[in-house]
Amino acid sequence: MCGSNSAVGLAEQERVLWPLLRDRLRVPGRLMGLMRGVLGGDAEVAVVVTTTPGGIATPVAILATPVIAAEVTLLGDGRQPDVRRGRIGDDEVDVLVADPGSGPTPVAVFVTGWMREHLYLYSRELWHRSR
C-alpha cells in the first residue's frame, strides 16, 4: 500500500482515507501499511503501521471508524491544523481530523503508550490461544 495509487484490498472508506493517512503519517525510511483485525469477536479495528526494512511493525494510528469516532470528544485546537486534542473516556489523545465542511471529523487516533501495550497484549493472546 505504499505507492501513490495503491489501495488493493482496502474497504471503500479506507480506500478514500488512505492518501491522507499515508501522506500525513509517513515515517521516512519505513514502509506504510494498514492492518485490520477483529477485537472481542465483533469490534473491527484498523491500525496504520510503519514497518522497518527488518520487518518490525509499529502501530502509528487507529482509524476512527464510526464506533471509535463516537467515543472521541474533541477538545481545543491542536498543535497543527489537522491534529486536535481529544479525549476517549478519561484519556487524552491526539486525533487526526478532516473538515468535511461541517466541522472537524476524527479520521484517526494517534496510538498512545497504553494503546500500544493493549494492542500487543491482545495480539499475544490471539497467537497463544489454544485451538
Protein backbone atom coordinates (compact mmCIF):
# COMPACT_ATOMS: atom_id res chain seq x y z
CA MET A 1 0.00 0.00 0.00
CA CYS A 2 2.94 2.29 -0.43
CA GLY A 3 2.54 3.67 -3.96
CA SER A 4 0.62 6.80 -4.86
CA ASN A 5 -2.34 4.84 -6.26
CA SER A 6 -2.15 1.70 -4.16
CA ALA A 7 -5.28 0.69 -2.34
CA VAL A 8 -5.51 -3.01 -3.09
CA GLY A 9 -7.55 -4.89 -0.51
CA LEU A 10 -8.89 -1.85 1.28
CA ALA A 11 -12.53 -1.28 2.16
CA GLU A 12 -14.09 1.70 0.37
CA GLN A 13 -13.78 4.06 3.36
CA GLU A 14 -10.15 3.02 3.87
CA ARG A 15 -9.51 3.49 0.14
CA VAL A 16 -10.76 7.08 0.35
CA LEU A 17 -8.76 7.84 3.52
CA TRP A 18 -5.53 6.11 2.55
CA PRO A 19 -3.89 9.03 0.63
CA LEU A 20 -4.48 11.38 3.61
CA LEU A 21 -3.25 8.79 6.11
CA ARG A 22 -0.23 7.83 4.02
CA ASP A 23 0.85 11.42 3.45
CA ARG A 24 0.17 12.64 6.97
CA LEU A 25 1.55 9.68 8.94
CA ARG A 26 4.55 8.76 6.77
CA VAL A 27 7.78 7.97 8.64
CA PRO A 28 10.90 8.41 6.47
CA GLY A 29 12.72 5.16 5.72
CA ARG A 30 9.77 2.93 6.62
CA LEU A 31 7.02 1.22 4.67
CA MET A 32 3.42 2.12 5.45
CA GLY A 33 0.64 -0.37 5.92
CA LEU A 34 -2.85 -0.90 7.25
CA MET A 35 -3.65 -3.88 9.42
CA ARG A 36 -7.22 -4.91 10.11
CA GLY A 37 -8.50 -7.21 12.80
CA VAL A 38 -11.44 -8.07 14.99
CA LEU A 39 -11.37 -7.50 18.74
CA GLY A 40 -13.63 -9.41 21.07
CA GLY A 41 -15.45 -11.18 18.27
CA ASP A 42 -17.33 -8.24 16.75
CA ALA A 43 -15.38 -4.97 17.06
CA GLU A 44 -13.33 -4.29 13.92
CA VAL A 45 -10.19 -2.19 14.19
CA ALA A 46 -7.84 -0.89 11.51
CA VAL A 47 -4.36 0.25 12.50
CA VAL A 48 -1.92 2.26 10.39
CA VAL A 49 1.58 0.83 10.89
CA THR A 50 5.09 1.65 9.79
CA THR A 51 7.48 -1.20 9.07
CA THR A 52 11.27 -1.13 9.25
CA PRO A 53 13.33 -2.76 6.50
CA GLY A 54 13.92 -5.58 9.00
CA GLY A 55 10.17 -6.25 9.30
CA ILE A 56 9.35 -4.67 12.66
CA ALA A 57 5.83 -3.14 12.51
CA THR A 58 4.96 -0.23 14.78
CA PRO A 59 1.35 0.94 15.20
CA VAL A 60 1.01 4.67 14.49
CA ALA A 61 -2.74 5.40 14.48
CA ILE A 62 -6.10 3.67 14.77
CA LEU A 63 -8.67 4.54 12.12
CA ALA A 64 -11.67 6.34 13.57
CA THR A 65 -14.46 4.04 12.47
CA PRO A 66 -17.95 5.37 13.26
CA VAL A 67 -17.92 3.44 16.55
CA ILE A 68 -14.50 4.83 17.57
CA ALA A 69 -15.34 8.36 16.37
CA ALA A 70 -18.43 8.29 18.61
CA GLU A 71 -16.11 7.67 21.60
CA VAL A 72 -13.88 10.68 20.79
CA THR A 73 -14.59 14.06 22.33
CA LEU A 74 -12.61 16.75 20.51
CA LEU A 75 -11.10 19.39 22.78
CA GLY A 76 -9.44 22.67 21.81
CA ASP A 77 -7.19 23.31 18.85
CA GLY A 78 -4.12 21.16 18.36
CA ARG A 79 -0.54 21.97 17.59
CA GLN A 80 -1.24 21.55 13.88
CA PRO A 81 -4.33 22.45 11.82
CA ASP A 82 -5.27 18.81 11.18
CA VAL A 83 -4.45 17.46 14.66
CA ARG A 84 -6.71 18.14 17.63
CA ARG A 85 -6.50 17.09 21.24
CA GLY A 86 -9.28 14.77 22.20
CA ARG A 87 -10.48 12.53 24.95
CA ILE A 88 -11.51 8.89 24.93
CA GLY A 89 -13.00 8.16 28.33
CA ASP A 90 -10.57 9.68 30.81
CA ASP A 91 -7.55 9.51 28.49
CA GLU A 92 -6.29 12.40 26.36
CA VAL A 93 -5.26 11.56 22.80
CA ASP A 94 -4.18 13.32 19.62
CA VAL A 95 -6.69 12.98 16.80
CA LEU A 96 -6.07 13.44 13.08
CA VAL A 97 -9.11 15.29 11.75
CA ALA A 98 -10.58 16.24 8.40
CA ASP A 99 -13.01 19.09 7.87
CA PRO A 100 -15.78 17.94 5.52
CA GLY A 101 -17.47 21.33 5.76
CA SER A 102 -19.45 20.79 8.93
CA GLY A 103 -16.51 20.97 11.32
CA PRO A 104 -13.61 18.70 12.23
CA THR A 105 -14.31 14.97 12.00
CA PRO A 106 -11.99 12.34 13.55
CA VAL A 107 -10.11 10.35 10.91
CA ALA A 108 -7.57 8.52 13.09
CA VAL A 109 -6.43 8.43 16.71
CA PHE A 110 -2.66 8.53 17.21
CA VAL A 111 -1.51 5.48 19.16
CA THR A 112 -0.51 6.20 22.74
CA GLY A 113 1.66 4.08 25.02
CA TRP A 114 -1.32 2.45 26.70
CA MET A 115 -2.93 1.66 23.33
CA ARG A 116 0.29 0.09 22.05
CA GLU A 117 0.58 -2.03 25.19
CA HIS A 118 -3.01 -3.26 24.89
CA LEU A 119 -2.66 -4.00 21.16
CA TYR A 120 0.46 -6.08 21.89
CA LEU A 121 -1.18 -7.87 24.81
CA TYR A 122 -4.26 -8.64 22.73
CA SER A 123 -2.22 -9.90 19.76
CA ARG A 124 -0.17 -12.18 22.05
CA GLU A 125 -3.42 -13.58 23.48
CA LEU A 126 -4.66 -14.34 19.96
CA TRP A 127 -1.43 -16.09 18.95
CA HIS A 128 -1.27 -18.22 22.10
CA ARG A 129 -4.94 -19.14 22.31
CA SER A 130 -5.34 -22.93 22.14
CA ARG A 131 -7.23 -24.15 19.09
